[in-house]
Amino acid sequence: MFKRIAVILKMVKFQHTIFSLPFGVVSAFYAIKSVNISTTEILIKFAWILIAVISARLAAMTFNRMVDMKFDAANPRTSDRAIPAKTVSLRFAVTFTIFTCALFVFAGYQLNTLCFYLSPLALFIILGYSYTKRFTPLCHCFLGLSLSGAPLGAWIAIKGNLELFPIILSIAVILWVTGFDIIYAMLDAEFDANAGLYSIPARFGMKKSLFLSTLFHCAAVAVFVVLGVIAKLGIFYFIGLGLATTLIIYQHIIVEPSDPKKINQAFFVANAFVSIIIMTASLMDLFLHF
């Protein structure tokens, strides 16, 4: 069982949770500052938020691997993934998906009534993303929408409502994720086009895709700036945003559509640091605000 779970964690690229989790942390901390809540309650809330984010990630990616197993088996880049390679059975993957979905709903129940009621909608979005590549090149935006649930859900978990701060943060996440997922999709552009799957690189080619990715990232940075202005964030936040923007520019400089190593470097290394830097800067600004 544990060996299978280890294979599952590798299959779903568990480390990619770093893309959404930091923004959930930021949203939760900024929500906490305006509510009267004890330290014990904060720790309990954070534990369930963490469980919710992780279980959502595991459910979404395991479901994605099941839905795409036929395409993964036919694609040389992904043919060694756990399900097509038969290191994990389809039956176990189904069971694991059901378990993680149930855990996500239970985490919502433990947080508050609104989280519980919204948990099926959240699952519909994060699981439904897996089908979007079959009918629209805007699948990258749907991935962004899926990850944007982290800051929205974390805020709702703390305050039980929605306000402008998490909404703007979520819009920035959607734009940022869309931009880097377009770059990542370049790895499979030829395969997707031949298989009848939709993606921006498969539909528009590499040059236009890089341009569109740049537009999404420029829009993301602009929205992050708007967030800082509207929320009256301080110097630490804007310094961190400057560093994150530098990393976003860096990934566009180094990416080469013909070089998978450069695409992976741009996708994971640069973007993982973007989310961590913005989280760190935001928290510094919250606790050391000048």
C-alpha atoms as a PDB file:
ATOM      1  CA  MET A   1       0.000   0.000   0.000  1.00  0.00           C
ATOM      2  CA  PHE A   2       2.706   2.503   0.997  1.00  0.00           C
ATOM      3  CA  LYS A   3       4.780   1.582  -2.040  1.00  0.00           C
ATOM      4  CA  ARG A   4       1.775   2.249  -4.268  1.00  0.00           C
ATOM      5  CA  ILE A   5       1.129   5.592  -2.575  1.00  0.00           C
ATOM      6  CA  ALA A   6       4.787   6.537  -3.141  1.00  0.00           C
ATOM      7  CA  VAL A   7       4.354   5.736  -6.828  1.00  0.00           C
ATOM      8  CA  ILE A   8       1.132   7.765  -6.892  1.00  0.00           C
ATOM      9  CA  LEU A   9       2.893  10.771  -5.321  1.00  0.00           C
ATOM     10  CA  LYS A  10       5.559  10.567  -8.005  1.00  0.00           C
ATOM     11  CA  MET A  11       2.953  10.131 -10.730  1.00  0.00           C
ATOM     12  CA  VAL A  12       0.963  13.213  -9.702  1.00  0.00           C
ATOM     13  CA  LYS A  13       4.123  15.298  -9.200  1.00  0.00           C
ATOM     14  CA  PHE A  14       3.234  16.075  -5.595  1.00  0.00           C
ATOM     15  CA  GLN A  15       6.010  18.682  -5.452  1.00  0.00           C
ATOM     16  CA  HIS A  16       3.946  20.878  -7.780  1.00  0.00           C
ATOM     17  CA  THR A  17       1.647  21.624  -4.830  1.00  0.00           C
ATOM     18  CA  ILE A  18       4.148  24.426  -4.234  1.00  0.00           C
ATOM     19  CA  PHE A  19       2.445  26.381  -7.026  1.00  0.00           C
ATOM     20  CA  SER A  20      -0.874  26.890  -5.238  1.00  0.00           C
ATOM     21  CA  LEU A  21      -0.231  26.290  -1.530  1.00  0.00           C
ATOM     22  CA  PRO A  22       1.782  29.500  -0.886  1.00  0.00           C
ATOM     23  CA  PHE A  23      -1.086  31.634  -2.158  1.00  0.00           C
ATOM     24  CA  GLY A  24      -3.475  29.776   0.107  1.00  0.00           C
ATOM     25  CA  VAL A  25      -1.170  30.557   3.030  1.00  0.00           C
ATOM     26  CA  VAL A  26      -1.057  34.257   2.094  1.00  0.00           C
ATOM     27  CA  SER A  27      -4.848  34.452   1.822  1.00  0.00           C
ATOM     28  CA  ALA A  28      -5.339  32.674   5.145  1.00  0.00           C
ATOM     29  CA  PHE A  29      -2.959  34.947   7.052  1.00  0.00           C
ATOM     30  CA  TYR A  30      -4.498  38.121   5.633  1.00  0.00           C
ATOM     31  CA  ALA A  31      -7.952  36.817   6.538  1.00  0.00           C
ATOM     32  CA  ILE A  32      -6.832  36.060  10.094  1.00  0.00           C
ATOM     33  CA  LYS A  33      -5.711  39.618  10.764  1.00  0.00           C
ATOM     34  CA  SER A  34      -9.306  40.859  10.706  1.00  0.00           C
ATOM     35  CA  VAL A  35     -10.963  38.138  12.788  1.00  0.00           C
ATOM     36  CA  ASN A  36     -10.945  37.390  16.496  1.00  0.00           C
ATOM     37  CA  ILE A  37      -9.632  33.844  16.707  1.00  0.00           C
ATOM     38  CA  SER A  38      -7.443  32.016  19.214  1.00  0.00           C
ATOM     39  CA  THR A  39      -4.046  30.510  18.418  1.00  0.00           C
ATOM     40  CA  THR A  40      -5.453  27.010  18.873  1.00  0.00           C
ATOM     41  CA  GLU A  41      -8.255  27.719  16.411  1.00  0.00           C
ATOM     42  CA  ILE A  42      -5.731  29.144  13.936  1.00  0.00           C
ATOM     43  CA  LEU A  43      -3.589  26.012  14.101  1.00  0.00           C
ATOM     44  CA  ILE A  44      -6.618  23.763  13.627  1.00  0.00           C
ATOM     45  CA  LYS A  45      -7.839  25.844  10.680  1.00  0.00           C
ATOM     46  CA  PHE A  46      -4.416  25.759   9.047  1.00  0.00           C
ATOM     47  CA  ALA A  47      -4.179  22.002   9.477  1.00  0.00           C
ATOM     48  CA  TRP A  48      -7.501  21.477   7.677  1.00  0.00           C
ATOM     49  CA  ILE A  49      -6.615  24.020   4.985  1.00  0.00           C
ATOM     50  CA  LEU A  50      -3.392  22.111   4.371  1.00  0.00           C
ATOM     51  CA  ILE A  51      -5.298  18.819   4.192  1.00  0.00           C
ATOM     52  CA  ALA A  52      -7.804  20.356   1.793  1.00  0.00           C
ATOM     53  CA  VAL A  53      -5.144  21.746  -0.570  1.00  0.00           C
ATOM     54  CA  ILE A  54      -3.109  18.536  -0.607  1.00  0.00           C
ATOM     55  CA  SER A  55      -6.104  16.218  -1.016  1.00  0.00           C
ATOM     56  CA  ALA A  56      -7.448  18.384  -3.841  1.00  0.00           C
ATOM     57  CA  ARG A  57      -4.100  18.209  -5.614  1.00  0.00           C
ATOM     58  CA  LEU A  58      -3.872  14.429  -5.229  1.00  0.00           C
ATOM     59  CA  ALA A  59      -7.449  13.871  -6.366  1.00  0.00           C
ATOM     60  CA  ALA A  60      -7.149  16.165  -9.387  1.00  0.00           C
ATOM     61  CA  MET A  61      -3.873  14.754 -10.666  1.00  0.00           C
ATOM     62  CA  THR A  62      -4.735  11.098 -10.076  1.00  0.00           C
ATOM     63  CA  PHE A  63      -8.016  11.655 -11.895  1.00  0.00           C
ATOM     64  CA  ASN A  64      -6.115  13.393 -14.693  1.00  0.00           C
ATOM     65  CA  ARG A  65      -3.773  10.423 -15.074  1.00  0.00           C
ATOM     66  CA  MET A  66      -6.751   8.064 -15.303  1.00  0.00           C
ATOM     67  CA  VAL A  67      -8.611  10.196 -17.832  1.00  0.00           C
ATOM     68  CA  ASP A  68      -5.494  10.669 -19.966  1.00  0.00           C
ATOM     69  CA  MET A  69      -4.046   7.156 -19.634  1.00  0.00           C
ATOM     70  CA  LYS A  70      -4.694   6.365 -23.313  1.00  0.00           C
ATOM     71  CA  PHE A  71      -2.871   9.520 -24.426  1.00  0.00           C
ATOM     72  CA  ASP A  72      -0.098   9.044 -21.849  1.00  0.00           C
ATOM     73  CA  ALA A  73       0.541   5.527 -23.148  1.00  0.00           C
ATOM     74  CA  ALA A  74       0.815   6.790 -26.734  1.00  0.00           C
ATOM     75  CA  ASN A  75       3.035   9.771 -25.893  1.00  0.00           C
ATOM     76  CA  PRO A  76       6.760   8.833 -25.663  1.00  0.00           C
ATOM     77  CA  ARG A  77       7.298  11.554 -23.033  1.00  0.00           C
ATOM     78  CA  THR A  78       4.643  10.153 -20.701  1.00  0.00           C
ATOM     79  CA  SER A  79       4.504   6.439 -21.545  1.00  0.00           C
ATOM     80  CA  ASP A  80       6.429   5.555 -18.379  1.00  0.00           C
ATOM     81  CA  ARG A  81       3.844   7.123 -16.074  1.00  0.00           C
ATOM     82  CA  ALA A  82       2.473   4.812 -13.410  1.00  0.00           C
ATOM     83  CA  ILE A  83      -0.838   3.790 -14.987  1.00  0.00           C
ATOM     84  CA  PRO A  84       0.333   3.100 -18.574  1.00  0.00           C
ATOM     85  CA  ALA A  85       3.474   1.453 -17.153  1.00  0.00           C
ATOM     86  CA  LYS A  86       1.183  -0.642 -14.892  1.00  0.00           C
ATOM     87  CA  THR A  87       3.121   0.164 -11.726  1.00  0.00           C
ATOM     88  CA  VAL A  88      -0.226   1.345 -10.357  1.00  0.00           C
ATOM     89  CA  SER A  89      -3.467  -0.379 -11.293  1.00  0.00           C
ATOM     90  CA  LEU A  90      -6.452   1.559 -12.560  1.00  0.00           C
ATOM     91  CA  ARG A  91      -8.499   0.086  -9.703  1.00  0.00           C
ATOM     92  CA  PHE A  92      -6.086   1.451  -7.096  1.00  0.00           C
ATOM     93  CA  ALA A  93      -6.046   4.859  -8.814  1.00  0.00           C
ATOM     94  CA  VAL A  94      -9.857   4.977  -8.747  1.00  0.00           C
ATOM     95  CA  THR A  95      -9.902   4.049  -5.049  1.00  0.00           C
ATOM     96  CA  PHE A  96      -7.232   6.646  -4.263  1.00  0.00           C
ATOM     97  CA  THR A  97      -9.161   9.339  -6.148  1.00  0.00           C
ATOM     98  CA  ILE A  98     -12.378   8.550  -4.285  1.00  0.00           C
ATOM     99  CA  PHE A  99     -10.534   8.608  -0.954  1.00  0.00           C
ATOM    100  CA  THR A 100      -8.838  11.964  -1.618  1.00  0.00           C
ATOM    101  CA  CYS A 101     -12.106  13.505  -2.866  1.00  0.00           C
ATOM    102  CA  ALA A 102     -13.852  12.323   0.293  1.00  0.00           C
ATOM    103  CA  LEU A 103     -11.003  13.698   2.414  1.00  0.00           C
ATOM    104  CA  PHE A 104     -11.319  17.060   0.651  1.00  0.00           C
ATOM    105  CA  VAL A 105     -15.061  17.238   1.345  1.00  0.00           C
ATOM    106  CA  PHE A 106     -14.476  16.204   4.966  1.00  0.00           C
ATOM    107  CA  ALA A 107     -11.846  18.946   5.331  1.00  0.00           C
ATOM    108  CA  GLY A 108     -14.416  21.439   4.055  1.00  0.00           C
ATOM    109  CA  TYR A 109     -16.903  20.137   6.611  1.00  0.00           C
ATOM    110  CA  GLN A 110     -14.356  20.630   9.391  1.00  0.00           C
ATOM    111  CA  LEU A 111     -13.626  24.203   8.295  1.00  0.00           C
ATOM    112  CA  ASN A 112     -17.117  25.719   8.033  1.00  0.00           C
ATOM    113  CA  THR A 113     -20.524  25.319   6.421  1.00  0.00           C
ATOM    114  CA  LEU A 114     -19.746  27.402   3.322  1.00  0.00           C
ATOM    115  CA  CYS A 115     -16.554  25.435   2.619  1.00  0.00           C
ATOM    116  CA  PHE A 116     -18.535  22.219   2.914  1.00  0.00           C
ATOM    117  CA  TYR A 117     -21.278  23.412   0.557  1.00  0.00           C
ATOM    118  CA  LEU A 118     -18.743  24.672  -1.990  1.00  0.00           C
ATOM    119  CA  SER A 119     -16.539  21.553  -1.904  1.00  0.00           C
ATOM    120  CA  PRO A 120     -18.514  19.692  -4.634  1.00  0.00           C
ATOM    121  CA  LEU A 121     -18.220  22.741  -6.915  1.00  0.00           C
ATOM    122  CA  ALA A 122     -14.478  22.882  -6.248  1.00  0.00           C
ATOM    123  CA  LEU A 123     -14.152  19.189  -7.104  1.00  0.00           C
ATOM    124  CA  PHE A 124     -16.171  19.700 -10.289  1.00  0.00           C
ATOM    125  CA  ILE A 125     -13.709  22.389 -11.390  1.00  0.00           C
ATOM    126  CA  ILE A 126     -10.470  20.623 -10.480  1.00  0.00           C
ATOM    127  CA  LEU A 127     -11.582  17.262 -11.864  1.00  0.00           C
ATOM    128  CA  GLY A 128     -13.333  18.758 -14.875  1.00  0.00           C
ATOM    129  CA  TYR A 129     -10.104  20.449 -15.969  1.00  0.00           C
ATOM    130  CA  SER A 130      -8.856  17.065 -17.180  1.00  0.00           C
ATOM    131  CA  TYR A 131     -11.446  17.046 -19.985  1.00  0.00           C
ATOM    132  CA  THR A 132     -10.887  20.600 -21.238  1.00  0.00           C
ATOM    133  CA  LYS A 133      -7.969  19.652 -23.470  1.00  0.00           C
ATOM    134  CA  ARG A 134     -10.418  17.666 -25.552  1.00  0.00           C
ATOM    135  CA  PHE A 135     -12.436  20.673 -26.705  1.00  0.00           C
ATOM    136  CA  THR A 136     -10.650  24.000 -26.103  1.00  0.00           C
ATOM    137  CA  PRO A 137      -7.131  25.477 -26.294  1.00  0.00           C
ATOM    138  CA  LEU A 138      -8.146  27.535 -23.252  1.00  0.00           C
ATOM    139  CA  CYS A 139      -7.452  24.452 -21.114  1.00  0.00           C
ATOM    140  CA  HIS A 140      -4.535  26.377 -19.612  1.00  0.00           C
ATOM    141  CA  CYS A 141      -6.973  28.947 -18.200  1.00  0.00           C
ATOM    142  CA  PHE A 142      -9.011  26.144 -16.625  1.00  0.00           C
ATOM    143  CA  LEU A 143      -5.864  24.903 -14.902  1.00  0.00           C
ATOM    144  CA  GLY A 144      -5.329  28.425 -13.592  1.00  0.00           C
ATOM    145  CA  LEU A 145      -8.922  28.465 -12.366  1.00  0.00           C
ATOM    146  CA  SER A 146      -8.330  25.173 -10.552  1.00  0.00           C
ATOM    147  CA  LEU A 147      -5.266  26.476  -8.729  1.00  0.00           C
ATOM    148  CA  SER A 148      -6.944  29.787  -7.923  1.00  0.00           C
ATOM    149  CA  GLY A 149      -9.207  27.880  -5.562  1.00  0.00           C
ATOM    150  CA  ALA A 150      -6.409  27.799  -2.982  1.00  0.00           C
ATOM    151  CA  PRO A 151      -6.528  31.507  -2.015  1.00  0.00           C
ATOM    152  CA  LEU A 152     -10.321  31.642  -2.376  1.00  0.00           C
ATOM    153  CA  GLY A 153     -10.846  28.533  -0.270  1.00  0.00           C
ATOM    154  CA  ALA A 154      -8.350  29.556   2.393  1.00  0.00           C
ATOM    155  CA  TRP A 155     -10.062  32.919   2.842  1.00  0.00           C
ATOM    156  CA  ILE A 156     -13.506  31.317   3.070  1.00  0.00           C
ATOM    157  CA  ALA A 157     -12.118  28.774   5.546  1.00  0.00           C
ATOM    158  CA  ILE A 158     -11.059  31.572   7.904  1.00  0.00           C
ATOM    159  CA  LYS A 159     -13.786  34.192   7.444  1.00  0.00           C
ATOM    160  CA  GLY A 160     -16.699  32.292   5.944  1.00  0.00           C
ATOM    161  CA  ASN A 161     -17.154  34.864   3.171  1.00  0.00           C
ATOM    162  CA  LEU A 162     -15.441  36.342   0.101  1.00  0.00           C
ATOM    163  CA  GLU A 163     -13.863  39.779  -0.119  1.00  0.00           C
ATOM    164  CA  LEU A 164     -11.865  41.732  -2.681  1.00  0.00           C
ATOM    165  CA  PHE A 165      -8.402  40.638  -1.507  1.00  0.00           C
ATOM    166  CA  PRO A 166      -8.723  36.894  -2.267  1.00  0.00           C
ATOM    167  CA  ILE A 167     -10.636  37.581  -5.494  1.00  0.00           C
ATOM    168  CA  ILE A 168      -7.860  39.795  -6.892  1.00  0.00           C
ATOM    169  CA  LEU A 169      -5.206  37.349  -5.684  1.00  0.00           C
ATOM    170  CA  SER A 170      -7.040  34.503  -7.399  1.00  0.00           C
ATOM    171  CA  ILE A 171      -7.243  36.425 -10.688  1.00  0.00           C
ATOM    172  CA  ALA A 172      -3.480  36.974 -10.518  1.00  0.00           C
ATOM    173  CA  VAL A 173      -2.964  33.236  -9.910  1.00  0.00           C
ATOM    174  CA  ILE A 174      -5.163  32.336 -12.906  1.00  0.00           C
ATOM    175  CA  LEU A 175      -3.156  34.597 -15.214  1.00  0.00           C
ATOM    176  CA  TRP A 176       0.216  33.456 -13.856  1.00  0.00           C
ATOM    177  CA  VAL A 177      -0.628  29.740 -14.079  1.00  0.00           C
ATOM    178  CA  THR A 178      -2.065  30.136 -17.586  1.00  0.00           C
ATOM    179  CA  GLY A 179       1.159  31.789 -18.707  1.00  0.00           C
ATOM    180  CA  PHE A 180       3.503  29.085 -17.453  1.00  0.00           C
ATOM    181  CA  ASP A 181       1.227  26.195 -18.447  1.00  0.00           C
ATOM    182  CA  ILE A 182       1.338  27.425 -22.048  1.00  0.00           C
ATOM    183  CA  ILE A 183       5.124  27.102 -21.868  1.00  0.00           C
ATOM    184  CA  TYR A 184       4.893  23.607 -20.358  1.00  0.00           C
ATOM    185  CA  ALA A 185       2.439  22.513 -23.065  1.00  0.00           C
ATOM    186  CA  MET A 186       5.133  23.124 -25.680  1.00  0.00           C
ATOM    187  CA  LEU A 187       6.619  19.777 -24.669  1.00  0.00           C
ATOM    188  CA  ASP A 188       3.596  18.002 -26.181  1.00  0.00           C
ATOM    189  CA  ALA A 189       2.576  20.408 -28.933  1.00  0.00           C
ATOM    190  CA  GLU A 190       3.263  18.007 -31.800  1.00  0.00           C
ATOM    191  CA  PHE A 191       1.696  15.032 -30.037  1.00  0.00           C
ATOM    192  CA  ASP A 192      -1.395  17.029 -29.047  1.00  0.00           C
ATOM    193  CA  ALA A 193      -1.916  18.245 -32.602  1.00  0.00           C
ATOM    194  CA  ASN A 194      -1.630  14.705 -34.013  1.00  0.00           C
ATOM    195  CA  ALA A 195      -3.883  13.248 -31.311  1.00  0.00           C
ATOM    196  CA  GLY A 196      -6.622  15.818 -31.835  1.00  0.00           C
ATOM    197  CA  LEU A 197      -6.074  17.428 -28.440  1.00  0.00           C
ATOM    198  CA  TYR A 198      -6.292  21.165 -27.882  1.00  0.00           C
ATOM    199  CA  SER A 199      -3.648  23.440 -26.432  1.00  0.00           C
ATOM    200  CA  ILE A 200      -2.391  26.873 -27.361  1.00  0.00           C
ATOM    201  CA  PRO A 201       0.991  25.543 -28.631  1.00  0.00           C
ATOM    202  CA  ALA A 202      -0.760  22.838 -30.680  1.00  0.00           C
ATOM    203  CA  ARG A 203      -3.240  25.365 -32.088  1.00  0.00           C
ATOM    204  CA  PHE A 204      -1.081  28.439 -32.652  1.00  0.00           C
ATOM    205  CA  GLY A 205       2.525  27.233 -32.802  1.00  0.00           C
ATOM    206  CA  MET A 206       5.510  28.027 -30.631  1.00  0.00           C
ATOM    207  CA  LYS A 207       6.156  31.659 -31.527  1.00  0.00           C
ATOM    208  CA  LYS A 208       2.576  32.815 -30.958  1.00  0.00           C
ATOM    209  CA  SER A 209       2.359  30.687 -27.823  1.00  0.00           C
ATOM    210  CA  LEU A 210       5.363  32.385 -26.280  1.00  0.00           C
ATOM    211  CA  PHE A 211       3.824  35.754 -27.128  1.00  0.00           C
ATOM    212  CA  LEU A 212       0.506  34.777 -25.518  1.00  0.00           C
ATOM    213  CA  SER A 213       2.319  33.409 -22.480  1.00  0.00           C
ATOM    214  CA  THR A 214       4.123  36.744 -22.158  1.00  0.00           C
ATOM    215  CA  LEU A 215       0.806  38.609 -22.326  1.00  0.00           C
ATOM    216  CA  PHE A 216      -0.693  36.457 -19.576  1.00  0.00           C
ATOM    217  CA  HIS A 217       2.355  36.965 -17.376  1.00  0.00           C
ATOM    218  CA  CYS A 218       2.341  40.728 -17.943  1.00  0.00           C
ATOM    219  CA  ALA A 219      -1.326  40.779 -16.964  1.00  0.00           C
ATOM    220  CA  ALA A 220      -0.551  38.663 -13.875  1.00  0.00           C
ATOM    221  CA  VAL A 221       2.148  41.092 -12.706  1.00  0.00           C
ATOM    222  CA  ALA A 222      -0.229  44.016 -13.292  1.00  0.00           C
ATOM    223  CA  VAL A 223      -2.913  42.351 -11.154  1.00  0.00           C
ATOM    224  CA  PHE A 224      -0.368  41.621  -8.401  1.00  0.00           C
ATOM    225  CA  VAL A 225       0.468  45.345  -8.460  1.00  0.00           C
ATOM    226  CA  VAL A 226      -3.236  46.222  -8.255  1.00  0.00           C
ATOM    227  CA  LEU A 227      -3.546  43.889  -5.262  1.00  0.00           C
ATOM    228  CA  GLY A 228      -0.687  45.668  -3.513  1.00  0.00           C
ATOM    229  CA  VAL A 229      -2.203  49.103  -4.158  1.00  0.00           C
ATOM    230  CA  ILE A 230      -5.795  48.218  -3.193  1.00  0.00           C
ATOM    231  CA  ALA A 231      -4.744  46.279  -0.083  1.00  0.00           C
ATOM    232  CA  LYS A 232      -2.243  49.029   0.802  1.00  0.00           C
ATOM    233  CA  LEU A 233       0.629  46.586   1.036  1.00  0.00           C
ATOM    234  CA  GLY A 234       4.093  47.886   1.853  1.00  0.00           C
ATOM    235  CA  ILE A 235       7.674  47.854   0.668  1.00  0.00           C
ATOM    236  CA  PHE A 236       8.346  44.186   1.399  1.00  0.00           C
ATOM    237  CA  TYR A 237       5.524  43.059  -0.849  1.00  0.00           C
ATOM    238  CA  PHE A 238       6.635  45.205  -3.778  1.00  0.00           C
ATOM    239  CA  ILE A 239      10.277  44.169  -3.394  1.00  0.00           C
ATOM    240  CA  GLY A 240       9.181  40.535  -3.438  1.00  0.00           C
ATOM    241  CA  LEU A 241       6.960  41.161  -6.444  1.00  0.00           C
ATOM    242  CA  GLY A 242       9.932  42.746  -8.204  1.00  0.00           C
ATOM    243  CA  LEU A 243      12.033  39.635  -7.566  1.00  0.00           C
ATOM    244  CA  ALA A 244       9.191  37.364  -8.701  1.00  0.00           C
ATOM    245  CA  THR A 245       8.759  39.430 -11.867  1.00  0.00           C
ATOM    246  CA  THR A 246      12.476  39.048 -12.562  1.00  0.00           C
ATOM    247  CA  LEU A 247      12.063  35.264 -12.367  1.00  0.00           C
ATOM    248  CA  ILE A 248       9.080  35.384 -14.713  1.00  0.00           C
ATOM    249  CA  ILE A 249      11.164  37.386 -17.194  1.00  0.00           C
ATOM    250  CA  TYR A 250      14.020  34.910 -16.713  1.00  0.00           C
ATOM    251  CA  GLN A 251      11.871  31.941 -17.720  1.00  0.00           C
ATOM    252  CA  HIS A 252      10.874  33.703 -20.936  1.00  0.00           C
ATOM    253  CA  ILE A 253      14.515  34.419 -21.687  1.00  0.00           C
ATOM    254  CA  ILE A 254      15.759  30.867 -21.179  1.00  0.00           C
ATOM    255  CA  VAL A 255      12.851  28.903 -22.656  1.00  0.00           C
ATOM    256  CA  GLU A 256      13.539  27.209 -25.957  1.00  0.00           C
ATOM    257  CA  PRO A 257      10.645  25.234 -27.512  1.00  0.00           C
ATOM    258  CA  SER A 258      13.094  22.668 -28.910  1.00  0.00           C
ATOM    259  CA  ASP A 259      14.845  22.085 -25.564  1.00  0.00           C
ATOM    260  CA  PRO A 260      12.740  20.098 -23.006  1.00  0.00           C
ATOM    261  CA  LYS A 261      15.334  20.714 -20.296  1.00  0.00           C
ATOM    262  CA  LYS A 262      14.946  24.481 -20.621  1.00  0.00           C
ATOM    263  CA  ILE A 263      11.141  24.184 -20.628  1.00  0.00           C
ATOM    264  CA  ASN A 264      11.181  22.084 -17.449  1.00  0.00           C
ATOM    265  CA  GLN A 265      13.602  24.535 -15.846  1.00  0.00           C
ATOM    266  CA  ALA A 266      11.343  27.448 -16.721  1.00  0.00           C
ATOM    267  CA  PHE A 267       8.213  25.580 -15.647  1.00  0.00           C
ATOM    268  CA  PHE A 268       9.176  24.182 -12.267  1.00  0.00           C
ATOM    269  CA  VAL A 269      12.275  25.921 -10.912  1.00  0.00           C
ATOM    270  CA  ALA A 270      11.372  29.499 -11.810  1.00  0.00           C
ATOM    271  CA  ASN A 271       7.677  29.269 -10.979  1.00  0.00           C
ATOM    272  CA  ALA A 272       8.183  27.426  -7.698  1.00  0.00           C
ATOM    273  CA  PHE A 273      10.331  30.338  -6.540  1.00  0.00           C
ATOM    274  CA  VAL A 274       7.768  32.869  -7.811  1.00  0.00           C
ATOM    275  CA  SER A 275       5.090  31.538  -5.464  1.00  0.00           C
ATOM    276  CA  ILE A 276       7.497  31.166  -2.526  1.00  0.00           C
ATOM    277  CA  ILE A 277       8.918  34.669  -2.956  1.00  0.00           C
ATOM    278  CA  ILE A 278       5.487  36.294  -3.161  1.00  0.00           C
ATOM    279  CA  MET A 279       4.342  34.345  -0.097  1.00  0.00           C
ATOM    280  CA  THR A 280       7.434  35.285   1.922  1.00  0.00           C
ATOM    281  CA  ALA A 281       7.249  38.943   0.905  1.00  0.00           C
ATOM    282  CA  SER A 282       3.527  39.132   1.645  1.00  0.00           C
ATOM    283  CA  LEU A 283       3.951  37.643   5.114  1.00  0.00           C
ATOM    284  CA  MET A 284       6.911  39.907   5.874  1.00  0.00           C
ATOM    285  CA  ASP A 285       4.770  42.848   4.846  1.00  0.00           C
ATOM    286  CA  LEU A 286       1.933  41.627   7.084  1.00  0.00           C
ATOM    287  CA  PHE A 287       4.064  41.122  10.196  1.00  0.00           C
ATOM    288  CA  LEU A 288       6.670  43.869   9.643  1.00  0.00           C
ATOM    289  CA  HIS A 289       4.515  46.486   7.927  1.00  0.00           C
ATOM    290  CA  PHE A 290       5.944  49.989   7.710  1.00  0.00           C
END
